[in-house]
């Protein structure tokens, strides 16, 4: 079994896998992010897909994927429209705009991307079959911005409104 494979019966803690698979600053940043999640009652739980779903009060807020010498965070910023002004005022929009997942024509029956306006900027061919943002190997500065965005999302969710699968539509024209 390679270091990227985990037995299906095992449910490893994210910190253990980070220590096994990442080195240097990537390890430090990933452990910092995992500590932030736990300190903020956002529990990362191992999934059968080999990633961790981080939830707050039973609702997913992001996925974390850790592979050999790389890791990424896929957020569910379902209520972004409620705090878009804060994102723009704090100049956080670039971390979103620079981390979009574009269509790679991975499926024959796919719409091959859709045009979206995200925080006032137009983008072409964003993948419609998955959440549109993915942060790969975020550095210390990016982790700070990601934490801020997740805190804003948590705050926006406090009103109890649920928007299931909103991460596939909320970005358009906001």
Foldseek 3Di string as FASTA:
>chain_A
DDLQDDPLVDWDDPLVNLVSAEDDQLSVLSVVLQVLLVVVQQDWTADSVQWTFTHHPPHGAWIWHTGHHKIKIQGQLLPCVVCLVVCVVVVVVCLFVVFFAFFPPPDPPAPQAAWAQASNRIDTRGGLPDQTGMGMSDGPVSSVSVSVSSVVSVVSCVVVDDDPPSSNPVRHPD
